[in-house]
C-alpha atoms as a PDB file:
ATOM      1  CA  MET A   1       0.000   0.000   0.000  1.00  0.00           C
ATOM      2  CA  THR A   2       1.378   3.439  -0.894  1.00  0.00           C
ATOM      3  CA  GLU A   3       0.855   6.479   1.256  1.00  0.00           C
ATOM      4  CA  LEU A   4      -1.569   9.009  -0.174  1.00  0.00           C
ATOM      5  CA  TYR A   5      -0.245  11.773   2.071  1.00  0.00           C
ATOM      6  CA  PRO A   6       2.747  12.083   4.359  1.00  0.00           C
ATOM      7  CA  TRP A   7       2.348  12.102   8.122  1.00  0.00           C
ATOM      8  CA  ILE A   8       1.687  15.804   8.916  1.00  0.00           C
ATOM      9  CA  ILE A   9       2.236  16.930  12.506  1.00  0.00           C
ATOM     10  CA  GLY A  10       1.644  20.410  13.898  1.00  0.00           C
ATOM     11  CA  VAL A  11       3.600  21.063  17.087  1.00  0.00           C
ATOM     12  CA  GLY A  12       2.688  23.750  19.584  1.00  0.00           C
ATOM     13  CA  ASN A  13       0.465  25.099  22.292  1.00  0.00           C
ATOM     14  CA  VAL A  14      -2.586  27.098  21.206  1.00  0.00           C
ATOM     15  CA  LEU A  15      -2.616  28.843  24.590  1.00  0.00           C
ATOM     16  CA  ARG A  16       0.762  30.498  23.975  1.00  0.00           C
ATOM     17  CA  GLY A  17       0.118  33.020  21.205  1.00  0.00           C
ATOM     18  CA  ASP A  18       2.108  32.334  18.060  1.00  0.00           C
ATOM     19  CA  ASP A  19       3.079  28.900  19.368  1.00  0.00           C
ATOM     20  CA  GLY A  20      -0.393  27.973  18.080  1.00  0.00           C
ATOM     21  CA  ALA A  21       0.573  28.646  14.441  1.00  0.00           C
ATOM     22  CA  ALA A  22       0.943  24.943  13.638  1.00  0.00           C
ATOM     23  CA  ALA A  23      -2.536  24.201  15.012  1.00  0.00           C
ATOM     24  CA  ALA A  24      -3.965  26.835  12.656  1.00  0.00           C
ATOM     25  CA  VAL A  25      -2.161  25.173   9.731  1.00  0.00           C
ATOM     26  CA  VAL A  26      -3.451  21.739  10.796  1.00  0.00           C
ATOM     27  CA  SER A  27      -6.999  23.105  11.000  1.00  0.00           C
ATOM     28  CA  GLN A  28      -6.867  24.433   7.428  1.00  0.00           C
ATOM     29  CA  LEU A  29      -5.348  21.193   6.141  1.00  0.00           C
ATOM     30  CA  ARG A  30      -8.155  19.236   7.793  1.00  0.00           C
ATOM     31  CA  ASP A  31     -10.688  21.603   6.190  1.00  0.00           C
ATOM     32  CA  ALA A  32      -9.208  20.488   2.852  1.00  0.00           C
ATOM     33  CA  GLU A  33      -9.625  16.850   4.008  1.00  0.00           C
ATOM     34  CA  ILE A  34      -5.863  16.366   4.320  1.00  0.00           C
ATOM     35  CA  PRO A  35      -5.081  14.288   7.411  1.00  0.00           C
ATOM     36  CA  ALA A  36      -2.967  16.242   9.888  1.00  0.00           C
ATOM     37  CA  TYR A  37      -2.408  15.949  13.613  1.00  0.00           C
ATOM     38  CA  ASN A  38      -1.824  18.384  16.464  1.00  0.00           C
ATOM     39  CA  PHE A  39       0.862  17.521  18.975  1.00  0.00           C
ATOM     40  CA  ASP A  40       1.928  19.235  22.193  1.00  0.00           C
ATOM     41  CA  GLY A  41       4.124  16.591  23.823  1.00  0.00           C
ATOM     42  CA  ASP A  42       7.891  16.332  24.036  1.00  0.00           C
ATOM     43  CA  GLY A  43      10.393  15.357  21.366  1.00  0.00           C
ATOM     44  CA  ALA A  44      10.676  11.725  22.427  1.00  0.00           C
ATOM     45  CA  GLU A  45       6.928  11.289  21.897  1.00  0.00           C
ATOM     46  CA  LEU A  46       7.238  13.163  18.603  1.00  0.00           C
ATOM     47  CA  MET A  47       9.842  10.654  17.431  1.00  0.00           C
ATOM     48  CA  GLU A  48       7.410   7.860  18.309  1.00  0.00           C
ATOM     49  CA  MET A  49       4.678   9.568  16.252  1.00  0.00           C
ATOM     50  CA  TRP A  50       6.744   9.520  13.087  1.00  0.00           C
ATOM     51  CA  ALA A  51       8.381   6.125  13.704  1.00  0.00           C
ATOM     52  CA  GLY A  52       7.837   3.847  10.736  1.00  0.00           C
ATOM     53  CA  GLN A  53       6.585   6.648   8.483  1.00  0.00           C
ATOM     54  CA  ASN A  54       8.228   7.147   5.104  1.00  0.00           C
ATOM     55  CA  LYS A  55       7.226  10.796   4.582  1.00  0.00           C
ATOM     56  CA  VAL A  56       6.762  13.335   7.378  1.00  0.00           C
ATOM     57  CA  ILE A  57       6.030  17.058   7.520  1.00  0.00           C
ATOM     58  CA  VAL A  58       6.339  18.866  10.851  1.00  0.00           C
ATOM     59  CA  ILE A  59       5.162  22.428  11.495  1.00  0.00           C
ATOM     60  CA  ASP A  60       6.279  24.427  14.549  1.00  0.00           C
ATOM     61  CA  ALA A  61       6.598  28.028  15.648  1.00  0.00           C
ATOM     62  CA  ALA A  62      10.036  29.559  15.225  1.00  0.00           C
ATOM     63  CA  SER A  63      11.942  32.423  16.797  1.00  0.00           C
ATOM     64  CA  SER A  64      15.093  33.230  14.866  1.00  0.00           C
ATOM     65  CA  GLY A  65      14.929  37.007  14.855  1.00  0.00           C
ATOM     66  CA  ALA A  66      13.359  37.150  11.379  1.00  0.00           C
ATOM     67  CA  PRO A  67      10.182  39.215  10.958  1.00  0.00           C
ATOM     68  CA  ALA A  68       6.997  37.658  12.331  1.00  0.00           C
ATOM     69  CA  GLY A  69       5.227  35.603   9.689  1.00  0.00           C
ATOM     70  CA  THR A  70       8.432  34.524   7.956  1.00  0.00           C
ATOM     71  CA  VAL A  71       8.228  30.880   6.919  1.00  0.00           C
ATOM     72  CA  HIS A  72      11.326  28.707   7.168  1.00  0.00           C
ATOM     73  CA  ARG A  73      11.370  25.370   5.322  1.00  0.00           C
ATOM     74  CA  PHE A  74      13.975  22.695   5.984  1.00  0.00           C
ATOM     75  CA  ASP A  75      14.529  19.386   4.235  1.00  0.00           C
ATOM     76  CA  VAL A  76      16.103  17.692   7.243  1.00  0.00           C
ATOM     77  CA  ARG A  77      17.538  14.871   5.138  1.00  0.00           C
ATOM     78  CA  GLN A  78      19.684  17.560   3.494  1.00  0.00           C
ATOM     79  CA  GLU A  79      20.425  19.934   6.376  1.00  0.00           C
ATOM     80  CA  GLN A  80      20.395  20.181  10.152  1.00  0.00           C
ATOM     81  CA  LEU A  81      17.761  22.224  11.921  1.00  0.00           C
ATOM     82  CA  PRO A  82      19.073  25.331  13.655  1.00  0.00           C
ATOM     83  CA  ARG A  83      18.273  24.672  17.330  1.00  0.00           C
ATOM     84  CA  HIS A  84      17.805  28.334  18.136  1.00  0.00           C
ATOM     85  CA  PHE A  85      14.871  28.573  15.672  1.00  0.00           C
ATOM     86  CA  PHE A  86      12.624  26.327  17.765  1.00  0.00           C
ATOM     87  CA  ARG A  87      13.409  27.501  21.296  1.00  0.00           C
ATOM     88  CA  TYR A  88       9.841  28.231  22.355  1.00  0.00           C
ATOM     89  CA  SER A  89       9.007  24.590  22.972  1.00  0.00           C
ATOM     90  CA  SER A  90       7.378  24.096  26.350  1.00  0.00           C
ATOM     91  CA  HIS A  91       9.597  21.024  26.667  1.00  0.00           C
ATOM     92  CA  GLN A  92      13.357  20.714  26.974  1.00  0.00           C
ATOM     93  CA  PHE A  93      13.383  18.176  24.141  1.00  0.00           C
ATOM     94  CA  GLY A  94      11.704  19.930  21.218  1.00  0.00           C
ATOM     95  CA  VAL A  95      11.474  19.514  17.450  1.00  0.00           C
ATOM     96  CA  ALA A  96      15.111  20.308  16.646  1.00  0.00           C
ATOM     97  CA  GLU A  97      16.380  17.947  19.340  1.00  0.00           C
ATOM     98  CA  ALA A  98      13.980  15.192  18.197  1.00  0.00           C
ATOM     99  CA  VAL A  99      15.093  15.510  14.585  1.00  0.00           C
ATOM    100  CA  GLU A 100      18.771  15.465  15.451  1.00  0.00           C
ATOM    101  CA  MET A 101      18.338  12.559  17.884  1.00  0.00           C
ATOM    102  CA  ALA A 102      16.504  10.595  15.179  1.00  0.00           C
ATOM    103  CA  ARG A 103      19.314  11.455  12.741  1.00  0.00           C
ATOM    104  CA  THR A 104      21.927  10.206  15.227  1.00  0.00           C
ATOM    105  CA  LEU A 105      19.973   6.984  15.796  1.00  0.00           C
ATOM    106  CA  GLY A 106      19.414   6.439  12.064  1.00  0.00           C
ATOM    107  CA  GLN A 107      15.647   6.817  12.534  1.00  0.00           C
ATOM    108  CA  LEU A 108      14.785   9.803  10.354  1.00  0.00           C
ATOM    109  CA  PRO A 109      11.988   9.145   7.884  1.00  0.00           C
ATOM    110  CA  ALA A 110      13.129   8.787   4.260  1.00  0.00           C
ATOM    111  CA  GLN A 111      11.569  12.181   3.493  1.00  0.00           C
ATOM    112  CA  MET A 112      11.123  14.846   6.147  1.00  0.00           C
ATOM    113  CA  ILE A 113      10.284  18.531   5.872  1.00  0.00           C
ATOM    114  CA  VAL A 114      10.088  20.894   8.846  1.00  0.00           C
ATOM    115  CA  TYR A 115       8.328  24.236   8.587  1.00  0.00           C
ATOM    116  CA  GLY A 116       9.034  26.964  11.103  1.00  0.00           C
ATOM    117  CA  VAL A 117       6.568  29.854  11.292  1.00  0.00           C
ATOM    118  CA  GLU A 118       8.286  32.884  12.774  1.00  0.00           C
ATOM    119  CA  GLY A 119       6.316  34.178  15.731  1.00  0.00           C
ATOM    120  CA  ALA A 120       6.247  37.461  17.602  1.00  0.00           C
ATOM    121  CA  ASP A 121       4.303  36.841  20.808  1.00  0.00           C
ATOM    122  CA  PHE A 122       4.469  33.553  22.727  1.00  0.00           C
ATOM    123  CA  SER A 123       2.882  34.766  25.937  1.00  0.00           C
ATOM    124  CA  LEU A 124       0.210  32.765  27.692  1.00  0.00           C
ATOM    125  CA  GLY A 125      -3.274  33.681  26.510  1.00  0.00           C
ATOM    126  CA  ALA A 126      -2.156  35.795  23.544  1.00  0.00           C
ATOM    127  CA  PRO A 127      -3.882  35.293  20.181  1.00  0.00           C
ATOM    128  CA  LEU A 128      -1.955  34.610  16.975  1.00  0.00           C
ATOM    129  CA  SER A 129      -0.246  37.823  15.920  1.00  0.00           C
ATOM    130  CA  PRO A 130      -1.586  39.439  12.711  1.00  0.00           C
ATOM    131  CA  ASP A 131       1.550  38.626  10.675  1.00  0.00           C
ATOM    132  CA  VAL A 132       1.341  34.970  11.673  1.00  0.00           C
ATOM    133  CA  GLN A 133      -2.382  34.823  10.873  1.00  0.00           C
ATOM    134  CA  ILE A 134      -1.676  36.175   7.394  1.00  0.00           C
ATOM    135  CA  THR A 135       1.031  33.606   6.666  1.00  0.00           C
ATOM    136  CA  ILE A 136      -0.933  30.496   7.753  1.00  0.00           C
ATOM    137  CA  GLY A 137      -2.541  30.177   4.301  1.00  0.00           C
ATOM    138  CA  ASN A 138       0.888  30.405   2.660  1.00  0.00           C
ATOM    139  CA  VAL A 139       2.160  27.516   4.776  1.00  0.00           C
ATOM    140  CA  VAL A 140      -0.923  25.458   3.905  1.00  0.00           C
ATOM    141  CA  ASP A 141      -0.381  26.171   0.195  1.00  0.00           C
ATOM    142  CA  SER A 142       3.292  25.226   0.458  1.00  0.00           C
ATOM    143  CA  ILE A 143       2.427  21.935   2.176  1.00  0.00           C
ATOM    144  CA  LYS A 144      -0.214  21.209  -0.461  1.00  0.00           C
ATOM    145  CA  ASN A 145       2.468  21.775  -3.080  1.00  0.00           C
ATOM    146  CA  ASP A 146       4.867  19.466  -1.201  1.00  0.00           C
ATOM    147  CA  ILE A 147       2.331  16.648  -1.192  1.00  0.00           C
ATOM    148  CA  GLY A 148       1.037  17.162  -4.727  1.00  0.00           C
ATOM    149  CA  TYR A 149      -2.449  18.107  -3.558  1.00  0.00           C
ATOM    150  CA  SER A 150      -4.876  19.399  -6.149  1.00  0.00           C
ATOM    151  CA  ASP A 151      -8.189  21.144  -5.409  1.00  0.00           C
ATOM    152  CA  ALA A 152      -9.567  19.814  -8.710  1.00  0.00           C
END
């Protein structure tokens, strides 16, 4: 059996402002009937989620100093994730650490893309910032392109 879509995982906490960007992406993907999953656990559990999957896309909030709403896309089979981009994880072992641990253990999926959505406000109870809200659709479109999705 071939996979119709890759395993798509949105990482973050909707209660922490722009850390909820991935959940907004997941919601729009689901509206398009593309299976996607929200995740707010630690990196070890994240590695278990993608274990055995051939194709994986992960979305997380980023904080690299770029303008809010900037979208970073990494093919982690080709490059390492910058750890400082994903420092707003509520866990010590976040996306970057999970990816690099999986790489070290030889357990990365054959194809893996990580999107980082640059946030501005990660405070408890804050809504998504306007720049992040605007870019959510762009991330959804990019993921649709990655998976060969057609609205037709």
